Amino acid sequence: MKIVSKYDGTGKVVYSTEIVRGVVDCAIAEIDGVVKYDKRTKAGKKQTNNYIKIDHIGDSLYIDVYIKLLYNVNVSDIASKVQGAIKNTLETMTEFVVKDVNVHVIDVEFDEQ
């Protein structure tokens, strides 16, 4: 497990990558039109958290998210909302500065009724 840390004037704050992923996941879940993307291995097992990639350089975070959208949404609007939600949530809950949030739309879910 990779550790993301930040140094301030009084000491060191350490964030597990899983905690940062959880914050990003919560931010994504708040956006209507986004379907959580679950990738499956060849054995049929779910690979969780492979849809969120986090890199950090100093006090800056670089986030890549891979999402699935509902077919009837405006892709650019949803991507912009996802970027804003991730940036605002992370900067509010942690002391990091989010430099980039790259949204990769990799699938579309059609309503089959």
PDB file of N, CA and C in Angstrom:
ATOM      1  N   MET A   1       0.838  -1.162   0.000  1.00  0.00           N
ATOM      2  CA  MET A   1       0.000   0.000   0.000  1.00  0.00           C
ATOM      3  C   MET A   1       0.895   1.242   0.000  1.00  0.00           C
ATOM      4  N   LYS A   2       0.679   2.103  -0.951  1.00  0.00           N
ATOM      5  CA  LYS A   2       1.462   3.322  -1.090  1.00  0.00           C
ATOM      6  C   LYS A   2       0.958   4.364  -0.092  1.00  0.00           C
ATOM      7  N   ILE A   3       1.866   5.090   0.475  1.00  0.00           N
ATOM      8  CA  ILE A   3       1.515   6.124   1.438  1.00  0.00           C
ATOM      9  C   ILE A   3       1.734   7.492   0.806  1.00  0.00           C
ATOM     10  N   VAL A   4       0.745   8.342   0.950  1.00  0.00           N
ATOM     11  CA  VAL A   4       0.843   9.719   0.498  1.00  0.00           C
ATOM     12  C   VAL A   4       1.029  10.562   1.751  1.00  0.00           C
ATOM     13  N   SER A   5       2.046  11.397   1.787  1.00  0.00           N
ATOM     14  CA  SER A   5       2.292  12.181   2.993  1.00  0.00           C
ATOM     15  C   SER A   5       2.491  13.642   2.669  1.00  0.00           C
ATOM     16  N   LYS A   6       2.315  14.473   3.685  1.00  0.00           N
ATOM     17  CA  LYS A   6       2.486  15.908   3.545  1.00  0.00           C
ATOM     18  C   LYS A   6       3.170  16.410   4.803  1.00  0.00           C
ATOM     19  N   TYR A   7       4.135  17.258   4.615  1.00  0.00           N
ATOM     20  CA  TYR A   7       4.833  17.863   5.738  1.00  0.00           C
ATOM     21  C   TYR A   7       4.316  19.278   5.946  1.00  0.00           C
ATOM     22  N   ASP A   8       4.055  19.627   7.205  1.00  0.00           N
ATOM     23  CA  ASP A   8       3.692  21.007   7.512  1.00  0.00           C
ATOM     24  C   ASP A   8       4.619  21.511   8.610  1.00  0.00           C
ATOM     25  N   GLY A   9       4.361  22.676   9.135  1.00  0.00           N
ATOM     26  CA  GLY A   9       5.250  23.287  10.108  1.00  0.00           C
ATOM     27  C   GLY A   9       5.358  22.536  11.423  1.00  0.00           C
ATOM     28  N   THR A  10       4.332  21.756  11.763  1.00  0.00           N
ATOM     29  CA  THR A  10       4.336  21.081  13.054  1.00  0.00           C
ATOM     30  C   THR A  10       4.683  19.604  12.976  1.00  0.00           C
ATOM     31  N   GLY A  11       4.770  19.059  11.790  1.00  0.00           N
ATOM     32  CA  GLY A  11       5.090  17.641  11.673  1.00  0.00           C
ATOM     33  C   GLY A  11       4.625  17.061  10.356  1.00  0.00           C
ATOM     34  N   LYS A  12       4.371  15.780  10.358  1.00  0.00           N
ATOM     35  CA  LYS A  12       4.060  15.048   9.139  1.00  0.00           C
ATOM     36  C   LYS A  12       2.645  14.484   9.224  1.00  0.00           C
ATOM     37  N   VAL A  13       1.889  14.640   8.168  1.00  0.00           N
ATOM     38  CA  VAL A  13       0.569  14.052   8.053  1.00  0.00           C
ATOM     39  C   VAL A  13       0.664  12.965   7.001  1.00  0.00           C
ATOM     40  N   VAL A  14       0.193  11.761   7.327  1.00  0.00           N
ATOM     41  CA  VAL A  14       0.300  10.634   6.420  1.00  0.00           C
ATOM     42  C   VAL A  14      -1.099  10.165   6.033  1.00  0.00           C
ATOM     43  N   TYR A  15      -1.316  10.035   4.725  1.00  0.00           N
ATOM     44  CA  TYR A  15      -2.576   9.532   4.198  1.00  0.00           C
ATOM     45  C   TYR A  15      -2.292   8.241   3.441  1.00  0.00           C
ATOM     46  N   SER A  16      -3.010   7.197   3.767  1.00  0.00           N
ATOM     47  CA  SER A  16      -2.920   5.972   2.988  1.00  0.00           C
ATOM     48  C   SER A  16      -3.552   6.235   1.627  1.00  0.00           C
ATOM     49  N   THR A  17      -3.030   5.620   0.595  1.00  0.00           N
ATOM     50  CA  THR A  17      -3.614   5.767  -0.727  1.00  0.00           C
ATOM     51  C   THR A  17      -5.059   5.283  -0.725  1.00  0.00           C
ATOM     52  N   GLU A  18      -5.357   4.271   0.078  1.00  0.00           N
ATOM     53  CA  GLU A  18      -6.730   3.764   0.155  1.00  0.00           C
ATOM     54  C   GLU A  18      -7.690   4.813   0.707  1.00  0.00           C
ATOM     55  N   ILE A  19      -7.221   5.638   1.622  1.00  0.00           N
ATOM     56  CA  ILE A  19      -8.060   6.713   2.152  1.00  0.00           C
ATOM     57  C   ILE A  19      -8.342   7.746   1.063  1.00  0.00           C
ATOM     58  N   VAL A  20      -7.315   8.127   0.334  1.00  0.00           N
ATOM     59  CA  VAL A  20      -7.492   9.104  -0.750  1.00  0.00           C
ATOM     60  C   VAL A  20      -8.404   8.524  -1.824  1.00  0.00           C
ATOM     61  N   ARG A  21      -8.241   7.234  -2.139  1.00  0.00           N
ATOM     62  CA  ARG A  21      -9.129   6.580  -3.109  1.00  0.00           C
ATOM     63  C   ARG A  21     -10.576   6.596  -2.628  1.00  0.00           C
ATOM     64  N   GLY A  22     -10.768   6.363  -1.343  1.00  0.00           N
ATOM     65  CA  GLY A  22     -12.115   6.387  -0.764  1.00  0.00           C
ATOM     66  C   GLY A  22     -12.762   7.752  -0.889  1.00  0.00           C
ATOM     67  N   VAL A  23     -11.984   8.798  -0.677  1.00  0.00           N
ATOM     68  CA  VAL A  23     -12.496  10.161  -0.826  1.00  0.00           C
ATOM     69  C   VAL A  23     -12.888  10.420  -2.280  1.00  0.00           C
ATOM     70  N   VAL A  24     -12.035   9.998  -3.208  1.00  0.00           N
ATOM     71  CA  VAL A  24     -12.329  10.166  -4.636  1.00  0.00           C
ATOM     72  C   VAL A  24     -13.576   9.372  -5.010  1.00  0.00           C
ATOM     73  N   ASP A  25     -13.682   8.152  -4.503  1.00  0.00           N
ATOM     74  CA  ASP A  25     -14.836   7.301  -4.791  1.00  0.00           C
ATOM     75  C   ASP A  25     -16.128   7.938  -4.300  1.00  0.00           C
ATOM     76  N   CYS A  26     -16.104   8.525  -3.114  1.00  0.00           N
ATOM     77  CA  CYS A  26     -17.290   9.210  -2.582  1.00  0.00           C
ATOM     78  C   CYS A  26     -17.668  10.409  -3.440  1.00  0.00           C
ATOM     79  N   ALA A  27     -16.676  11.144  -3.910  1.00  0.00           N
ATOM     80  CA  ALA A  27     -16.944  12.309  -4.763  1.00  0.00           C
ATOM     81  C   ALA A  27     -17.587  11.880  -6.076  1.00  0.00           C
ATOM     82  N   ILE A  28     -17.102  10.784  -6.651  1.00  0.00           N
ATOM     83  CA  ILE A  28     -17.663  10.284  -7.905  1.00  0.00           C
ATOM     84  C   ILE A  28     -19.098   9.798  -7.697  1.00  0.00           C
ATOM     85  N   ALA A  29     -19.350   9.138  -6.575  1.00  0.00           N
ATOM     86  CA  ALA A  29     -20.668   8.568  -6.305  1.00  0.00           C
ATOM     87  C   ALA A  29     -21.756   9.635  -6.180  1.00  0.00           C
ATOM     88  N   GLU A  30     -21.384  10.870  -5.876  1.00  0.00           N
ATOM     89  CA  GLU A  30     -22.359  11.947  -5.713  1.00  0.00           C
ATOM     90  C   GLU A  30     -22.862  12.506  -7.039  1.00  0.00           C
ATOM     91  N   ILE A  31     -22.234  12.154  -8.149  1.00  0.00           N
ATOM     92  CA  ILE A  31     -22.594  12.714  -9.447  1.00  0.00           C
ATOM     93  C   ILE A  31     -23.632  11.815 -10.120  1.00  0.00           C
ATOM     94  N   ASP A  32     -24.801  12.373 -10.433  1.00  0.00           N
ATOM     95  CA  ASP A  32     -25.835  11.625 -11.148  1.00  0.00           C
ATOM     96  C   ASP A  32     -25.378  11.369 -12.574  1.00  0.00           C
ATOM     97  N   GLY A  33     -25.617  10.168 -13.056  1.00  0.00           N
ATOM     98  CA  GLY A  33     -25.242   9.797 -14.409  1.00  0.00           C
ATOM     99  C   GLY A  33     -23.991   8.956 -14.484  1.00  0.00           C
ATOM    100  N   VAL A  34     -23.255   8.857 -13.373  1.00  0.00           N
ATOM    101  CA  VAL A  34     -22.041   8.049 -13.336  1.00  0.00           C
ATOM    102  C   VAL A  34     -22.387   6.685 -12.756  1.00  0.00           C
ATOM    103  N   VAL A  35     -21.955   5.645 -13.445  1.00  0.00           N
ATOM    104  CA  VAL A  35     -22.113   4.277 -12.974  1.00  0.00           C
ATOM    105  C   VAL A  35     -20.735   3.795 -12.572  1.00  0.00           C
ATOM    106  N   LYS A  36     -20.626   3.249 -11.371  1.00  0.00           N
ATOM    107  CA  LYS A  36     -19.312   2.777 -10.915  1.00  0.00           C
ATOM    108  C   LYS A  36     -18.809   1.703 -11.863  1.00  0.00           C
ATOM    109  N   TYR A  37     -17.581   1.854 -12.306  1.00  0.00           N
ATOM    110  CA  TYR A  37     -16.998   0.909 -13.254  1.00  0.00           C
ATOM    111  C   TYR A  37     -16.296  -0.193 -12.490  1.00  0.00           C
ATOM    112  N   ASP A  38     -16.773  -1.414 -12.662  1.00  0.00           N
ATOM    113  CA  ASP A  38     -16.138  -2.577 -12.043  1.00  0.00           C
ATOM    114  C   ASP A  38     -15.503  -3.412 -13.130  1.00  0.00           C
ATOM    115  N   LYS A  39     -14.204  -3.524 -13.078  1.00  0.00           N
ATOM    116  CA  LYS A  39     -13.477  -4.330 -14.034  1.00  0.00           C
ATOM    117  C   LYS A  39     -13.391  -5.745 -13.477  1.00  0.00           C
ATOM    118  N   ARG A  40     -13.557  -6.725 -14.309  1.00  0.00           N
ATOM    119  CA  ARG A  40     -13.469  -8.113 -13.858  1.00  0.00           C
ATOM    120  C   ARG A  40     -12.234  -8.785 -14.457  1.00  0.00           C
ATOM    121  N   THR A  41     -11.633  -9.629 -13.656  1.00  0.00           N
ATOM    122  CA  THR A  41     -10.491 -10.392 -14.144  1.00  0.00           C
ATOM    123  C   THR A  41     -11.002 -11.548 -14.995  1.00  0.00           C
ATOM    124  N   LYS A  42     -10.085 -12.274 -15.606  1.00  0.00           N
ATOM    125  CA  LYS A  42     -10.476 -13.436 -16.414  1.00  0.00           C
ATOM    126  C   LYS A  42     -11.153 -14.501 -15.555  1.00  0.00           C
ATOM    127  N   ALA A  43     -10.824 -14.552 -14.282  1.00  0.00           N
ATOM    128  CA  ALA A  43     -11.436 -15.532 -13.381  1.00  0.00           C
ATOM    129  C   ALA A  43     -12.808 -15.075 -12.895  1.00  0.00           C
ATOM    130  N   GLY A  44     -13.241 -13.876 -13.294  1.00  0.00           N
ATOM    131  CA  GLY A  44     -14.557 -13.376 -12.905  1.00  0.00           C
ATOM    132  C   GLY A  44     -14.565 -12.596 -11.608  1.00  0.00           C
ATOM    133  N   LYS A  45     -13.404 -12.406 -11.001  1.00  0.00           N
ATOM    134  CA  LYS A  45     -13.337 -11.653  -9.752  1.00  0.00           C
ATOM    135  C   LYS A  45     -13.282 -10.162 -10.046  1.00  0.00           C
ATOM    136  N   LYS A  46     -13.912  -9.384  -9.177  1.00  0.00           N
ATOM    137  CA  LYS A  46     -13.881  -7.932  -9.338  1.00  0.00           C
ATOM    138  C   LYS A  46     -12.522  -7.389  -8.929  1.00  0.00           C
ATOM    139  N   GLN A  47     -12.033  -6.433  -9.698  1.00  0.00           N
ATOM    140  CA  GLN A  47     -10.827  -5.701  -9.334  1.00  0.00           C
ATOM    141  C   GLN A  47     -11.291  -4.325  -8.858  1.00  0.00           C
ATOM    142  N   THR A  48     -11.273  -4.115  -7.570  1.00  0.00           N
ATOM    143  CA  THR A  48     -11.736  -2.844  -7.049  1.00  0.00           C
ATOM    144  C   THR A  48     -10.611  -1.828  -7.063  1.00  0.00           C
ATOM    145  N   ASN A  49     -10.976  -0.575  -7.150  1.00  0.00           N
ATOM    146  CA  ASN A  49     -10.065   0.570  -7.122  1.00  0.00           C
ATOM    147  C   ASN A  49      -9.121   0.642  -8.316  1.00  0.00           C
ATOM    148  N   ASN A  50      -9.337  -0.161  -9.350  1.00  0.00           N
ATOM    149  CA  ASN A  50      -8.524  -0.018 -10.548  1.00  0.00           C
ATOM    150  C   ASN A  50      -9.016   1.127 -11.416  1.00  0.00           C
ATOM    151  N   TYR A  51     -10.120   1.717 -11.058  1.00  0.00           N
ATOM    152  CA  TYR A  51     -10.655   2.823 -11.831  1.00  0.00           C
ATOM    153  C   TYR A  51     -10.186   4.174 -11.296  1.00  0.00           C
ATOM    154  N   ILE A  52      -9.353   4.160 -10.283  1.00  0.00           N
ATOM    155  CA  ILE A  52      -8.800   5.394  -9.723  1.00  0.00           C
ATOM    156  C   ILE A  52      -7.283   5.261  -9.653  1.00  0.00           C
ATOM    157  N   LYS A  53      -6.573   6.196 -10.279  1.00  0.00           N
ATOM    158  CA  LYS A  53      -5.109   6.203 -10.224  1.00  0.00           C
ATOM    159  C   LYS A  53      -4.681   7.519  -9.584  1.00  0.00           C
ATOM    160  N   ILE A  54      -3.811   7.430  -8.593  1.00  0.00           N
ATOM    161  CA  ILE A  54      -3.363   8.612  -7.856  1.00  0.00           C
ATOM    162  C   ILE A  54      -1.845   8.689  -7.918  1.00  0.00           C
ATOM    163  N   ASP A  55      -1.347   9.828  -8.351  1.00  0.00           N
ATOM    164  CA  ASP A  55       0.085  10.105  -8.309  1.00  0.00           C
ATOM    165  C   ASP A  55       0.271  11.374  -7.488  1.00  0.00           C
ATOM    166  N   HIS A  56       1.354  11.430  -6.763  1.00  0.00           N
ATOM    167  CA  HIS A  56       1.624  12.657  -6.007  1.00  0.00           C
ATOM    168  C   HIS A  56       3.072  13.069  -6.188  1.00  0.00           C
ATOM    169  N   ILE A  57       3.243  14.361  -6.318  1.00  0.00           N
ATOM    170  CA  ILE A  57       4.568  14.964  -6.398  1.00  0.00           C
ATOM    171  C   ILE A  57       4.547  16.128  -5.413  1.00  0.00           C
ATOM    172  N   GLY A  58       5.323  15.989  -4.346  1.00  0.00           N
ATOM    173  CA  GLY A  58       5.324  17.020  -3.313  1.00  0.00           C
ATOM    174  C   GLY A  58       3.958  17.137  -2.672  1.00  0.00           C
ATOM    175  N   ASP A  59       3.390  18.341  -2.698  1.00  0.00           N
ATOM    176  CA  ASP A  59       2.077  18.592  -2.115  1.00  0.00           C
ATOM    177  C   ASP A  59       0.959  18.501  -3.150  1.00  0.00           C
ATOM    178  N   SER A  60       1.273  18.066  -4.345  1.00  0.00           N
ATOM    179  CA  SER A  60       0.300  18.057  -5.434  1.00  0.00           C
ATOM    180  C   SER A  60      -0.158  16.640  -5.765  1.00  0.00           C
ATOM    181  N   LEU A  61      -1.448  16.517  -6.072  1.00  0.00           N
ATOM    182  CA  LEU A  61      -2.010  15.243  -6.477  1.00  0.00           C
ATOM    183  C   LEU A  61      -2.431  15.307  -7.942  1.00  0.00           C
ATOM    184  N   TYR A  62      -2.226  14.210  -8.626  1.00  0.00           N
ATOM    185  CA  TYR A  62      -2.649  14.042 -10.018  1.00  0.00           C
ATOM    186  C   TYR A  62      -3.540  12.807 -10.051  1.00  0.00           C
ATOM    187  N   ILE A  63      -4.785  12.988 -10.439  1.00  0.00           N
ATOM    188  CA  ILE A  63      -5.791  11.937 -10.358  1.00  0.00           C
ATOM    189  C   ILE A  63      -6.254  11.552 -11.760  1.00  0.00           C
ATOM    190  N   ASP A  64      -6.360  10.252 -12.001  1.00  0.00           N
ATOM    191  CA  ASP A  64      -6.991   9.714 -13.205  1.00  0.00           C
ATOM    192  C   ASP A  64      -8.134   8.822 -12.743  1.00  0.00           C
ATOM    193  N   VAL A  65      -9.342   9.058 -13.280  1.00  0.00           N
ATOM    194  CA  VAL A  65     -10.479   8.205 -12.964  1.00  0.00           C
ATOM    195  C   VAL A  65     -11.048   7.641 -14.257  1.00  0.00           C
ATOM    196  N   TYR A  66     -11.470   6.403 -14.185  1.00  0.00           N
ATOM    197  CA  TYR A  66     -12.039   5.696 -15.327  1.00  0.00           C
ATOM    198  C   TYR A  66     -13.481   5.386 -14.968  1.00  0.00           C
ATOM    199  N   ILE A  67     -14.422   5.995 -15.698  1.00  0.00           N
ATOM    200  CA  ILE A  67     -15.815   5.887 -15.310  1.00  0.00           C
ATOM    201  C   ILE A  67     -16.682   5.355 -16.442  1.00  0.00           C
ATOM    202  N   LYS A  68     -17.846   4.924 -16.036  1.00  0.00           N
ATOM    203  CA  LYS A  68     -18.889   4.460 -16.940  1.00  0.00           C
ATOM    204  C   LYS A  68     -20.060   5.414 -16.760  1.00  0.00           C
ATOM    205  N   LEU A  69     -20.669   5.836 -17.857  1.00  0.00           N
ATOM    206  CA  LEU A  69     -21.777   6.787 -17.798  1.00  0.00           C
ATOM    207  C   LEU A  69     -23.065   6.153 -18.304  1.00  0.00           C
ATOM    208  N   LEU A  70     -24.177   6.707 -17.863  1.00  0.00           N
ATOM    209  CA  LEU A  70     -25.459   6.336 -18.431  1.00  0.00           C
ATOM    210  C   LEU A  70     -25.541   6.912 -19.838  1.00  0.00           C
ATOM    211  N   TYR A  71     -26.289   6.274 -20.697  1.00  0.00           N
ATOM    212  CA  TYR A  71     -26.328   6.656 -22.118  1.00  0.00           C
ATOM    213  C   TYR A  71     -26.962   8.020 -22.372  1.00  0.00           C
ATOM    214  N   ASN A  72     -27.807   8.494 -21.467  1.00  0.00           N
ATOM    215  CA  ASN A  72     -28.589   9.701 -21.734  1.00  0.00           C
ATOM    216  C   ASN A  72     -28.024  10.969 -21.088  1.00  0.00           C
ATOM    217  N   VAL A  73     -26.748  10.990 -20.773  1.00  0.00           N
ATOM    218  CA  VAL A  73     -26.160  12.167 -20.125  1.00  0.00           C
ATOM    219  C   VAL A  73     -25.220  12.891 -21.089  1.00  0.00           C
ATOM    220  N   ASN A  74     -24.976  14.152 -20.797  1.00  0.00           N
ATOM    221  CA  ASN A  74     -24.029  14.944 -21.562  1.00  0.00           C
ATOM    222  C   ASN A  74     -22.632  14.652 -21.006  1.00  0.00           C
ATOM    223  N   VAL A  75     -21.796  14.056 -21.818  1.00  0.00           N
ATOM    224  CA  VAL A  75     -20.481  13.574 -21.366  1.00  0.00           C
ATOM    225  C   VAL A  75     -19.619  14.708 -20.833  1.00  0.00           C
ATOM    226  N   SER A  76     -19.540  15.817 -21.543  1.00  0.00           N
ATOM    227  CA  SER A  76     -18.661  16.904 -21.101  1.00  0.00           C
ATOM    228  C   SER A  76     -19.162  17.534 -19.797  1.00  0.00           C
ATOM    229  N   ASP A  77     -20.473  17.639 -19.619  1.00  0.00           N
ATOM    230  CA  ASP A  77     -21.000  18.181 -18.361  1.00  0.00           C
ATOM    231  C   ASP A  77     -20.684  17.272 -17.180  1.00  0.00           C
ATOM    232  N   ILE A  78     -20.887  15.982 -17.381  1.00  0.00           N
ATOM    233  CA  ILE A  78     -20.624  15.027 -16.299  1.00  0.00           C
ATOM    234  C   ILE A  78     -19.130  14.986 -15.975  1.00  0.00           C
ATOM    235  N   ALA A  79     -18.288  14.982 -17.005  1.00  0.00           N
ATOM    236  CA  ALA A  79     -16.838  14.955 -16.769  1.00  0.00           C
ATOM    237  C   ALA A  79     -16.401  16.196 -15.990  1.00  0.00           C
ATOM    238  N   SER A  80     -16.960  17.337 -16.339  1.00  0.00           N
ATOM    239  CA  SER A  80     -16.636  18.574 -15.627  1.00  0.00           C
ATOM    240  C   SER A  80     -17.103  18.509 -14.170  1.00  0.00           C
ATOM    241  N   LYS A  81     -18.282  17.953 -13.935  1.00  0.00           N
ATOM    242  CA  LYS A  81     -18.784  17.807 -12.563  1.00  0.00           C
ATOM    243  C   LYS A  81     -17.912  16.853 -11.757  1.00  0.00           C
ATOM    244  N   VAL A  82     -17.477  15.769 -12.391  1.00  0.00           N
ATOM    245  CA  VAL A  82     -16.605  14.811 -11.715  1.00  0.00           C
ATOM    246  C   VAL A  82     -15.283  15.477 -11.334  1.00  0.00           C
ATOM    247  N   GLN A  83     -14.704  16.226 -12.264  1.00  0.00           N
ATOM    248  CA  GLN A  83     -13.445  16.926 -11.978  1.00  0.00           C
ATOM    249  C   GLN A  83     -13.604  17.891 -10.808  1.00  0.00           C
ATOM    250  N   GLY A  84     -14.658  18.691 -10.842  1.00  0.00           N
ATOM    251  CA  GLY A  84     -14.892  19.664  -9.770  1.00  0.00           C
ATOM    252  C   GLY A  84     -15.141  19.004  -8.430  1.00  0.00           C
ATOM    253  N   ALA A  85     -15.933  17.933  -8.432  1.00  0.00           N
ATOM    254  CA  ALA A  85     -16.245  17.250  -7.177  1.00  0.00           C
ATOM    255  C   ALA A  85     -14.998  16.633  -6.552  1.00  0.00           C
ATOM    256  N   ILE A  86     -14.173  15.991  -7.378  1.00  0.00           N
ATOM    257  CA  ILE A  86     -12.943  15.377  -6.857  1.00  0.00           C
ATOM    258  C   ILE A  86     -12.001  16.438  -6.317  1.00  0.00           C
ATOM    259  N   LYS A  87     -11.788  17.493  -7.088  1.00  0.00           N
ATOM    260  CA  LYS A  87     -10.877  18.566  -6.664  1.00  0.00           C
ATOM    261  C   LYS A  87     -11.358  19.202  -5.362  1.00  0.00           C
ATOM    262  N   ASN A  88     -12.631  19.594  -5.305  1.00  0.00           N
ATOM    263  CA  ASN A  88     -13.158  20.252  -4.110  1.00  0.00           C
ATOM    264  C   ASN A  88     -13.134  19.343  -2.891  1.00  0.00           C
ATOM    265  N   THR A  89     -13.522  18.094  -3.063  1.00  0.00           N
ATOM    266  CA  THR A  89     -13.565  17.170  -1.933  1.00  0.00           C
ATOM    267  C   THR A  89     -12.171  16.898  -1.375  1.00  0.00           C
ATOM    268  N   LEU A  90     -11.213  16.619  -2.259  1.00  0.00           N
ATOM    269  CA  LEU A  90      -9.858  16.337  -1.789  1.00  0.00           C
ATOM    270  C   LEU A  90      -9.207  17.554  -1.142  1.00  0.00           C
ATOM    271  N   GLU A  91      -9.385  18.712  -1.739  1.00  0.00           N
ATOM    272  CA  GLU A  91      -8.754  19.909  -1.169  1.00  0.00           C
ATOM    273  C   GLU A  91      -9.426  20.343   0.127  1.00  0.00           C
ATOM    274  N   THR A  92     -10.691  19.995   0.305  1.00  0.00           N
ATOM    275  CA  THR A  92     -11.380  20.310   1.553  1.00  0.00           C
ATOM    276  C   THR A  92     -10.997  19.342   2.665  1.00  0.00           C
ATOM    277  N   MET A  93     -10.883  18.057   2.323  1.00  0.00           N
ATOM    278  CA  MET A  93     -10.650  17.039   3.341  1.00  0.00           C
ATOM    279  C   MET A  93      -9.171  16.803   3.647  1.00  0.00           C
ATOM    280  N   THR A  94      -8.287  17.194   2.737  1.00  0.00           N
ATOM    281  CA  THR A  94      -6.855  17.011   2.959  1.00  0.00           C
ATOM    282  C   THR A  94      -6.161  18.356   2.733  1.00  0.00           C
ATOM    283  N   GLU A  95      -4.861  18.372   2.934  1.00  0.00           N
ATOM    284  CA  GLU A  95      -4.099  19.600   2.719  1.00  0.00           C
ATOM    285  C   GLU A  95      -3.391  19.605   1.371  1.00  0.00           C
ATOM    286  N   PHE A  96      -3.731  18.666   0.512  1.00  0.00           N
ATOM    287  CA  PHE A  96      -3.102  18.579  -0.799  1.00  0.00           C
ATOM    288  C   PHE A  96      -3.729  19.550  -1.786  1.00  0.00           C
ATOM    289  N   VAL A  97      -2.975  19.889  -2.805  1.00  0.00           N
ATOM    290  CA  VAL A  97      -3.471  20.680  -3.932  1.00  0.00           C
ATOM    291  C   VAL A  97      -3.645  19.705  -5.095  1.00  0.00           C
ATOM    292  N   VAL A  98      -4.841  19.689  -5.664  1.00  0.00           N
ATOM    293  CA  VAL A  98      -5.104  18.808  -6.798  1.00  0.00           C
ATOM    294  C   VAL A  98      -4.743  19.572  -8.061  1.00  0.00           C
ATOM    295  N   LYS A  99      -3.723  19.104  -8.769  1.00  0.00           N
ATOM    296  CA  LYS A  99      -3.248  19.773  -9.984  1.00  0.00           C
ATOM    297  C   LYS A  99      -4.037  19.341 -11.206  1.00  0.00           C
ATOM    298  N   ASP A 100      -4.276  18.033 -11.349  1.00  0.00           N
ATOM    299  CA  ASP A 100      -4.977  17.502 -12.518  1.00  0.00           C
ATOM    300  C   ASP A 100      -5.972  16.445 -12.086  1.00  0.00           C
ATOM    301  N   VAL A 101      -7.148  16.479 -12.707  1.00  0.00           N
ATOM    302  CA  VAL A 101      -8.109  15.389 -12.597  1.00  0.00           C
ATOM    303  C   VAL A 101      -8.470  15.016 -14.028  1.00  0.00           C
ATOM    304  N   ASN A 102      -7.993  13.874 -14.475  1.00  0.00           N
ATOM    305  CA  ASN A 102      -8.278  13.395 -15.824  1.00  0.00           C
ATOM    306  C   ASN A 102      -9.399  12.375 -15.745  1.00  0.00           C
ATOM    307  N   VAL A 103     -10.468  12.625 -16.501  1.00  0.00           N
ATOM    308  CA  VAL A 103     -11.624  11.740 -16.515  1.00  0.00           C
ATOM    309  C   VAL A 103     -11.608  10.959 -17.819  1.00  0.00           C
ATOM    310  N   HIS A 104     -11.590   9.643 -17.704  1.00  0.00           N
ATOM    311  CA  HIS A 104     -11.599   8.756 -18.865  1.00  0.00           C
ATOM    312  C   HIS A 104     -12.945   8.035 -18.886  1.00  0.00           C
ATOM    313  N   VAL A 105     -13.767   8.335 -19.878  1.00  0.00           N
ATOM    314  CA  VAL A 105     -15.037   7.638 -20.022  1.00  0.00           C
ATOM    315  C   VAL A 105     -14.753   6.385 -20.839  1.00  0.00           C
ATOM    316  N   ILE A 106     -14.894   5.227 -20.210  1.00  0.00           N
ATOM    317  CA  ILE A 106     -14.491   3.996 -20.869  1.00  0.00           C
ATOM    318  C   ILE A 106     -15.660   3.075 -21.203  1.00  0.00           C
ATOM    319  N   ASP A 107     -16.853   3.466 -20.786  1.00  0.00           N
ATOM    320  CA  ASP A 107     -17.994   2.621 -21.091  1.00  0.00           C
ATOM    321  C   ASP A 107     -19.268   3.427 -20.930  1.00  0.00           C
ATOM    322  N   VAL A 108     -20.324   2.949 -21.586  1.00  0.00           N
ATOM    323  CA  VAL A 108     -21.646   3.566 -21.489  1.00  0.00           C
ATOM    324  C   VAL A 108     -22.628   2.451 -21.148  1.00  0.00           C
ATOM    325  N   GLU A 109     -23.487   2.720 -20.199  1.00  0.00           N
ATOM    326  CA  GLU A 109     -24.503   1.736 -19.820  1.00  0.00           C
ATOM    327  C   GLU A 109     -25.833   2.138 -20.432  1.00  0.00           C
ATOM    328  N   PHE A 110     -26.426   1.192 -21.156  1.00  0.00           N
ATOM    329  CA  PHE A 110     -27.733   1.423 -21.762  1.00  0.00           C
ATOM    330  C   PHE A 110     -28.791   0.800 -20.885  1.00  0.00           C
ATOM    331  N   ASP A 111     -29.909   1.501 -20.774  1.00  0.00           N
ATOM    332  CA  ASP A 111     -31.028   1.012 -19.973  1.00  0.00           C
ATOM    333  C   ASP A 111     -31.743  -0.065 -20.768  1.00  0.00           C
ATOM    334  N   GLU A 112     -31.688  -1.292 -20.316  1.00  0.00           N
ATOM    335  CA  GLU A 112     -32.307  -2.400 -21.052  1.00  0.00           C
ATOM    336  C   GLU A 112     -33.603  -2.808 -20.366  1.00  0.00           C
ATOM    337  N   GLN A 113     -34.707  -2.148 -20.759  1.00  0.00           N
ATOM    338  CA  GLN A 113     -36.012  -2.471 -20.177  1.00  0.00           C
ATOM    339  C   GLN A 113     -36.996  -2.766 -21.242  1.00  0.00           C
TER     340      GLN A 113
END
